[in-house]
Amino acid sequence: MKKILVSLVAILMAAPSFAQFSSGGFELDKQSLYYGVRFGGTIASISGDRSLGNKVGITLGGVIGLRLSETTPVFLESGLYYTQRGAKDNEWEITHNNFEIPILVKYGFKVSDDIALLPFVGPYFAYAISKEEKYKGHDVSASYPRVNRNNVGFKLGCGAEYHKLYIEAGYQFGVTNILDSDDLSARNNALFANLGINF
């Protein structure tokens, strides 16, 4: 896992050297393309027929965004994130290390000459590159369904940018059943908050 994180960080740090455009931040009346890095955390849980409580994880990612209109500050943003997800209760603990790709639509509002607000919404697609399930007690694994690696859902929230500095917070709610079961259904949800820089 350490090798994966080191490789992802190296890719993200190398991104500016390959970029041919620089936004200099969200200049809503000029910008056509931006890219950036994100770091933050999540508080994830599982809801449904089998509910589990909160588990804290980290987020690391890189994003790229494109302005969709010359007259309106609407942006399409995607990227690649490494996210830690999961949930736990007194008997069962799940940890997923995901690669996640969101596809977000953002709309920019200028609060002042230096600050922009950017609410966003859109789907995300996640795949667990590794997962761990811990059971407390004896033979409880026989009564718990296995957890799928795929997770699809929606992401909504709001970001704010001051020059190149960026902060965002929001909520992700899963729409696919993460349990490998025909009888039980559960979905992965998470609160998230990220800090970042846009170039």
C-alpha atoms as a PDB file:
ATOM      1  CA  MET A   1       0.000   0.000   0.000  1.00  0.00           C
ATOM      2  CA  LYS A   2       2.891   2.352   0.733  1.00  0.00           C
ATOM      3  CA  LYS A   3       4.196   1.833  -2.809  1.00  0.00           C
ATOM      4  CA  ILE A   4       0.772   2.723  -4.237  1.00  0.00           C
ATOM      5  CA  LEU A   5       0.613   5.939  -2.202  1.00  0.00           C
ATOM      6  CA  VAL A   6       4.160   6.945  -3.126  1.00  0.00           C
ATOM      7  CA  SER A   7       3.442   6.319  -6.822  1.00  0.00           C
ATOM      8  CA  LEU A   8       0.206   8.340  -6.694  1.00  0.00           C
ATOM      9  CA  VAL A   9       1.941  11.263  -4.967  1.00  0.00           C
ATOM     10  CA  ALA A  10       4.722  11.206  -7.586  1.00  0.00           C
ATOM     11  CA  ILE A  11       2.173  11.312 -10.418  1.00  0.00           C
ATOM     12  CA  LEU A  12       0.306  14.212  -8.838  1.00  0.00           C
ATOM     13  CA  MET A  13       3.469  16.200  -8.211  1.00  0.00           C
ATOM     14  CA  ALA A  14       4.576  15.663 -11.811  1.00  0.00           C
ATOM     15  CA  ALA A  15       1.249  16.838 -13.275  1.00  0.00           C
ATOM     16  CA  PRO A  16       2.149  20.567 -13.482  1.00  0.00           C
ATOM     17  CA  SER A  17       5.161  19.814 -15.701  1.00  0.00           C
ATOM     18  CA  PHE A  18       2.873  18.222 -18.295  1.00  0.00           C
ATOM     19  CA  ALA A  19       0.169  20.882 -18.243  1.00  0.00           C
ATOM     20  CA  GLN A  20      -0.022  23.324 -21.132  1.00  0.00           C
ATOM     21  CA  PHE A  21      -2.581  25.623 -19.478  1.00  0.00           C
ATOM     22  CA  SER A  22      -2.630  27.319 -16.121  1.00  0.00           C
ATOM     23  CA  SER A  23      -5.677  28.942 -14.638  1.00  0.00           C
ATOM     24  CA  GLY A  24      -3.947  30.747 -11.795  1.00  0.00           C
ATOM     25  CA  GLY A  25      -7.007  29.898  -9.761  1.00  0.00           C
ATOM     26  CA  PHE A  26     -10.675  30.373 -10.469  1.00  0.00           C
ATOM     27  CA  GLU A  27     -10.814  33.545 -12.511  1.00  0.00           C
ATOM     28  CA  LEU A  28     -14.437  33.032 -13.418  1.00  0.00           C
ATOM     29  CA  ASP A  29     -14.418  35.467 -16.332  1.00  0.00           C
ATOM     30  CA  LYS A  30     -11.208  34.157 -17.968  1.00  0.00           C
ATOM     31  CA  GLN A  31     -10.541  30.571 -17.060  1.00  0.00           C
ATOM     32  CA  SER A  32     -10.937  27.688 -19.525  1.00  0.00           C
ATOM     33  CA  LEU A  33      -8.898  24.901 -17.883  1.00  0.00           C
ATOM     34  CA  TYR A  34      -7.520  24.199 -14.421  1.00  0.00           C
ATOM     35  CA  TYR A  35      -5.913  21.339 -12.564  1.00  0.00           C
ATOM     36  CA  GLY A  36      -5.081  20.761  -8.927  1.00  0.00           C
ATOM     37  CA  VAL A  37      -4.283  18.460  -6.032  1.00  0.00           C
ATOM     38  CA  ARG A  38      -6.487  17.522  -3.081  1.00  0.00           C
ATOM     39  CA  PHE A  39      -5.830  16.112   0.386  1.00  0.00           C
ATOM     40  CA  GLY A  40      -8.357  15.504   3.135  1.00  0.00           C
ATOM     41  CA  GLY A  41     -10.427  13.013   5.026  1.00  0.00           C
ATOM     42  CA  THR A  42     -13.703  11.132   5.132  1.00  0.00           C
ATOM     43  CA  ILE A  43     -16.089   9.876   7.788  1.00  0.00           C
ATOM     44  CA  ALA A  44     -17.705   6.844   6.157  1.00  0.00           C
ATOM     45  CA  SER A  45     -20.561   4.581   7.188  1.00  0.00           C
ATOM     46  CA  ILE A  46     -22.777   1.845   5.757  1.00  0.00           C
ATOM     47  CA  SER A  47     -26.564   2.068   5.729  1.00  0.00           C
ATOM     48  CA  GLY A  48     -29.271  -0.382   4.721  1.00  0.00           C
ATOM     49  CA  ASP A  49     -30.184  -3.893   5.840  1.00  0.00           C
ATOM     50  CA  ARG A  50     -26.746  -4.185   7.436  1.00  0.00           C
ATOM     51  CA  SER A  51     -25.732  -0.853   8.983  1.00  0.00           C
ATOM     52  CA  LEU A  52     -22.314  -0.067  10.415  1.00  0.00           C
ATOM     53  CA  GLY A  53     -21.055   3.037  12.187  1.00  0.00           C
ATOM     54  CA  ASN A  54     -18.494   5.666  11.287  1.00  0.00           C
ATOM     55  CA  LYS A  55     -14.907   5.028  10.226  1.00  0.00           C
ATOM     56  CA  VAL A  56     -12.360   7.776   9.501  1.00  0.00           C
ATOM     57  CA  GLY A  57     -10.109   7.631   6.432  1.00  0.00           C
ATOM     58  CA  ILE A  58      -7.874   9.790   4.246  1.00  0.00           C
ATOM     59  CA  THR A  59      -8.226  11.153   0.708  1.00  0.00           C
ATOM     60  CA  LEU A  60      -5.506  12.045  -1.808  1.00  0.00           C
ATOM     61  CA  GLY A  61      -6.161  13.031  -5.393  1.00  0.00           C
ATOM     62  CA  GLY A  62      -5.571  15.079  -8.488  1.00  0.00           C
ATOM     63  CA  VAL A  63      -8.246  16.876 -10.538  1.00  0.00           C
ATOM     64  CA  ILE A  64      -8.678  18.573 -13.866  1.00  0.00           C
ATOM     65  CA  GLY A  65     -11.526  20.892 -14.821  1.00  0.00           C
ATOM     66  CA  LEU A  66     -12.816  22.448 -18.007  1.00  0.00           C
ATOM     67  CA  ARG A  67     -15.072  25.455 -18.473  1.00  0.00           C
ATOM     68  CA  LEU A  68     -18.171  24.460 -20.483  1.00  0.00           C
ATOM     69  CA  SER A  69     -19.431  27.909 -21.487  1.00  0.00           C
ATOM     70  CA  GLU A  70     -17.817  31.183 -22.510  1.00  0.00           C
ATOM     71  CA  THR A  71     -20.640  33.205 -20.964  1.00  0.00           C
ATOM     72  CA  THR A  72     -21.453  31.195 -17.823  1.00  0.00           C
ATOM     73  CA  PRO A  73     -18.980  29.968 -15.145  1.00  0.00           C
ATOM     74  CA  VAL A  74     -19.984  26.291 -15.415  1.00  0.00           C
ATOM     75  CA  PHE A  75     -17.171  23.741 -15.108  1.00  0.00           C
ATOM     76  CA  LEU A  76     -16.843  19.990 -15.607  1.00  0.00           C
ATOM     77  CA  GLU A  77     -14.348  18.441 -13.192  1.00  0.00           C
ATOM     78  CA  SER A  78     -12.945  14.931 -12.968  1.00  0.00           C
ATOM     79  CA  GLY A  79      -9.805  13.331 -11.608  1.00  0.00           C
ATOM     80  CA  LEU A  80      -8.373  10.350  -9.778  1.00  0.00           C
ATOM     81  CA  TYR A  81      -8.600   9.935  -5.997  1.00  0.00           C
ATOM     82  CA  TYR A  82      -7.237   7.433  -3.518  1.00  0.00           C
ATOM     83  CA  THR A  83      -9.801   7.159  -0.726  1.00  0.00           C
ATOM     84  CA  GLN A  84     -10.054   5.070   2.423  1.00  0.00           C
ATOM     85  CA  ARG A  85     -13.608   3.951   3.107  1.00  0.00           C
ATOM     86  CA  GLY A  86     -15.309   1.507   5.388  1.00  0.00           C
ATOM     87  CA  ALA A  87     -17.372   1.192   8.546  1.00  0.00           C
ATOM     88  CA  LYS A  88     -17.423  -0.720  11.807  1.00  0.00           C
ATOM     89  CA  ASP A  89     -19.505  -1.930  14.721  1.00  0.00           C
ATOM     90  CA  ASN A  90     -18.843  -4.123  17.753  1.00  0.00           C
ATOM     91  CA  GLU A  91     -18.357  -7.277  15.675  1.00  0.00           C
ATOM     92  CA  TRP A  92     -17.423  -6.280  12.125  1.00  0.00           C
ATOM     93  CA  GLU A  93     -14.952  -3.779  10.635  1.00  0.00           C
ATOM     94  CA  ILE A  94     -14.523  -3.082   6.914  1.00  0.00           C
ATOM     95  CA  THR A  95     -11.695  -1.109   5.312  1.00  0.00           C
ATOM     96  CA  HIS A  96     -11.630  -0.350   1.581  1.00  0.00           C
ATOM     97  CA  ASN A  97      -8.733   1.357  -0.203  1.00  0.00           C
ATOM     98  CA  ASN A  98     -10.356   2.779  -3.327  1.00  0.00           C
ATOM     99  CA  PHE A  99      -9.461   4.418  -6.578  1.00  0.00           C
ATOM    100  CA  GLU A 100     -12.296   6.821  -7.276  1.00  0.00           C
ATOM    101  CA  ILE A 101     -13.241   8.856 -10.356  1.00  0.00           C
ATOM    102  CA  PRO A 102     -15.851  11.606  -9.898  1.00  0.00           C
ATOM    103  CA  ILE A 103     -17.551  13.493 -12.739  1.00  0.00           C
ATOM    104  CA  LEU A 104     -18.739  16.784 -11.254  1.00  0.00           C
ATOM    105  CA  VAL A 105     -20.542  19.825 -12.586  1.00  0.00           C
ATOM    106  CA  LYS A 106     -19.540  23.043 -10.776  1.00  0.00           C
ATOM    107  CA  TYR A 107     -21.014  26.515 -10.920  1.00  0.00           C
ATOM    108  CA  GLY A 108     -18.902  29.468  -9.813  1.00  0.00           C
ATOM    109  CA  PHE A 109     -20.042  32.494  -7.812  1.00  0.00           C
ATOM    110  CA  LYS A 110     -17.694  35.395  -7.115  1.00  0.00           C
ATOM    111  CA  VAL A 111     -18.030  36.483  -3.487  1.00  0.00           C
ATOM    112  CA  SER A 112     -15.309  39.095  -3.871  1.00  0.00           C
ATOM    113  CA  ASP A 113     -12.378  39.835  -6.175  1.00  0.00           C
ATOM    114  CA  ASP A 114     -10.375  37.149  -4.374  1.00  0.00           C
ATOM    115  CA  ILE A 115     -12.937  34.515  -3.343  1.00  0.00           C
ATOM    116  CA  ALA A 116     -15.154  32.212  -5.403  1.00  0.00           C
ATOM    117  CA  LEU A 117     -17.751  29.688  -4.232  1.00  0.00           C
ATOM    118  CA  LEU A 118     -18.287  26.563  -6.344  1.00  0.00           C
ATOM    119  CA  PRO A 119     -21.194  24.254  -5.449  1.00  0.00           C
ATOM    120  CA  PHE A 120     -21.006  20.916  -7.254  1.00  0.00           C
ATOM    121  CA  VAL A 121     -22.876  17.682  -7.916  1.00  0.00           C
ATOM    122  CA  GLY A 122     -22.238  14.555  -9.951  1.00  0.00           C
ATOM    123  CA  PRO A 123     -21.656  10.784  -9.936  1.00  0.00           C
ATOM    124  CA  TYR A 124     -18.576   8.942  -8.772  1.00  0.00           C
ATOM    125  CA  PHE A 125     -17.223   5.508  -9.663  1.00  0.00           C
ATOM    126  CA  ALA A 126     -15.037   3.671  -7.146  1.00  0.00           C
ATOM    127  CA  TYR A 127     -13.155   0.385  -7.111  1.00  0.00           C
ATOM    128  CA  ALA A 128     -11.468  -1.151  -4.071  1.00  0.00           C
ATOM    129  CA  ILE A 129      -7.873  -1.964  -4.994  1.00  0.00           C
ATOM    130  CA  SER A 130      -7.570  -3.656  -1.597  1.00  0.00           C
ATOM    131  CA  LYS A 131      -9.973  -4.464   1.193  1.00  0.00           C
ATOM    132  CA  GLU A 132      -9.872  -5.881   4.683  1.00  0.00           C
ATOM    133  CA  GLU A 133     -12.649  -7.314   6.801  1.00  0.00           C
ATOM    134  CA  LYS A 134     -12.079  -8.007  10.502  1.00  0.00           C
ATOM    135  CA  TYR A 135     -14.426 -10.077  12.624  1.00  0.00           C
ATOM    136  CA  LYS A 136     -14.455 -10.061  16.415  1.00  0.00           C
ATOM    137  CA  GLY A 137     -15.564 -13.208  18.185  1.00  0.00           C
ATOM    138  CA  HIS A 138     -15.804 -16.755  16.894  1.00  0.00           C
ATOM    139  CA  ASP A 139     -17.117 -17.797  13.485  1.00  0.00           C
ATOM    140  CA  VAL A 140     -19.047 -14.562  12.933  1.00  0.00           C
ATOM    141  CA  SER A 141     -17.735 -14.382   9.355  1.00  0.00           C
ATOM    142  CA  ALA A 142     -20.134 -17.142   8.380  1.00  0.00           C
ATOM    143  CA  SER A 143     -23.111 -14.890   9.132  1.00  0.00           C
ATOM    144  CA  TYR A 144     -21.768 -11.810   7.301  1.00  0.00           C
ATOM    145  CA  PRO A 145     -21.967 -11.406   3.507  1.00  0.00           C
ATOM    146  CA  ARG A 146     -18.822 -10.511   1.581  1.00  0.00           C
ATOM    147  CA  VAL A 147     -18.360  -6.913   0.403  1.00  0.00           C
ATOM    148  CA  ASN A 148     -18.102  -6.043  -3.301  1.00  0.00           C
ATOM    149  CA  ARG A 149     -15.202  -4.027  -4.668  1.00  0.00           C
ATOM    150  CA  ASN A 150     -17.371  -1.780  -6.891  1.00  0.00           C
ATOM    151  CA  ASN A 151     -19.176   1.266  -5.558  1.00  0.00           C
ATOM    152  CA  VAL A 152     -21.155   3.843  -7.538  1.00  0.00           C
ATOM    153  CA  GLY A 153     -22.926   6.856  -6.120  1.00  0.00           C
ATOM    154  CA  PHE A 154     -23.373  10.608  -6.146  1.00  0.00           C
ATOM    155  CA  LYS A 155     -21.269  13.385  -4.690  1.00  0.00           C
ATOM    156  CA  LEU A 156     -22.517  16.834  -3.718  1.00  0.00           C
ATOM    157  CA  GLY A 157     -20.992  19.716  -1.847  1.00  0.00           C
ATOM    158  CA  CYS A 158     -19.447  23.144  -2.138  1.00  0.00           C
ATOM    159  CA  GLY A 159     -15.917  24.419  -2.623  1.00  0.00           C
ATOM    160  CA  ALA A 160     -14.327  27.804  -2.037  1.00  0.00           C
ATOM    161  CA  GLU A 161     -11.181  29.236  -3.595  1.00  0.00           C
ATOM    162  CA  TYR A 162      -8.968  32.077  -2.486  1.00  0.00           C
ATOM    163  CA  HIS A 163      -6.465  32.699  -5.283  1.00  0.00           C
ATOM    164  CA  LYS A 164      -4.988  29.204  -5.778  1.00  0.00           C
ATOM    165  CA  LEU A 165      -5.965  27.788  -2.380  1.00  0.00           C
ATOM    166  CA  TYR A 166      -9.047  25.575  -2.389  1.00  0.00           C
ATOM    167  CA  ILE A 167     -11.241  24.009   0.314  1.00  0.00           C
ATOM    168  CA  GLU A 168     -14.352  21.877  -0.078  1.00  0.00           C
ATOM    169  CA  ALA A 169     -16.792  19.801   1.940  1.00  0.00           C
ATOM    170  CA  GLY A 170     -19.728  17.609   1.046  1.00  0.00           C
ATOM    171  CA  TYR A 171     -21.455  14.260   1.166  1.00  0.00           C
ATOM    172  CA  GLN A 172     -21.244  11.102  -0.910  1.00  0.00           C
ATOM    173  CA  PHE A 173     -24.093   8.604  -0.963  1.00  0.00           C
ATOM    174  CA  GLY A 174     -23.840   5.218  -2.623  1.00  0.00           C
ATOM    175  CA  VAL A 175     -26.533   3.891  -4.940  1.00  0.00           C
ATOM    176  CA  THR A 176     -25.203   0.366  -5.574  1.00  0.00           C
ATOM    177  CA  ASN A 177     -25.424  -2.571  -3.200  1.00  0.00           C
ATOM    178  CA  ILE A 178     -21.958  -3.173  -1.773  1.00  0.00           C
ATOM    179  CA  LEU A 179     -22.894  -6.572  -0.310  1.00  0.00           C
ATOM    180  CA  ASP A 180     -22.461  -9.770  -2.319  1.00  0.00           C
ATOM    181  CA  SER A 181     -25.942 -10.925  -1.379  1.00  0.00           C
ATOM    182  CA  ASP A 182     -29.345 -11.299  -3.032  1.00  0.00           C
ATOM    183  CA  ASP A 183     -31.156 -10.983   0.291  1.00  0.00           C
ATOM    184  CA  LEU A 184     -29.389  -8.046   1.947  1.00  0.00           C
ATOM    185  CA  SER A 185     -28.689  -4.542   0.679  1.00  0.00           C
ATOM    186  CA  ALA A 186     -26.269  -1.930   2.014  1.00  0.00           C
ATOM    187  CA  ARG A 187     -24.765   1.294   0.698  1.00  0.00           C
ATOM    188  CA  ASN A 188     -21.556   3.146   1.492  1.00  0.00           C
ATOM    189  CA  ASN A 189     -21.923   6.836   2.441  1.00  0.00           C
ATOM    190  CA  ALA A 190     -19.373   9.419   3.558  1.00  0.00           C
ATOM    191  CA  LEU A 191     -18.898  12.961   4.714  1.00  0.00           C
ATOM    192  CA  PHE A 192     -15.737  14.468   3.234  1.00  0.00           C
ATOM    193  CA  ALA A 193     -13.573  17.576   3.501  1.00  0.00           C
ATOM    194  CA  ASN A 194     -10.541  18.397   1.362  1.00  0.00           C
ATOM    195  CA  LEU A 195      -7.864  21.053   1.078  1.00  0.00           C
ATOM    196  CA  GLY A 196      -6.029  21.711  -2.152  1.00  0.00           C
ATOM    197  CA  ILE A 197      -4.271  23.955  -4.634  1.00  0.00           C
ATOM    198  CA  ASN A 198      -5.447  24.808  -8.153  1.00  0.00           C
ATOM    199  CA  PHE A 199      -2.932  25.656 -10.863  1.00  0.00           C
END
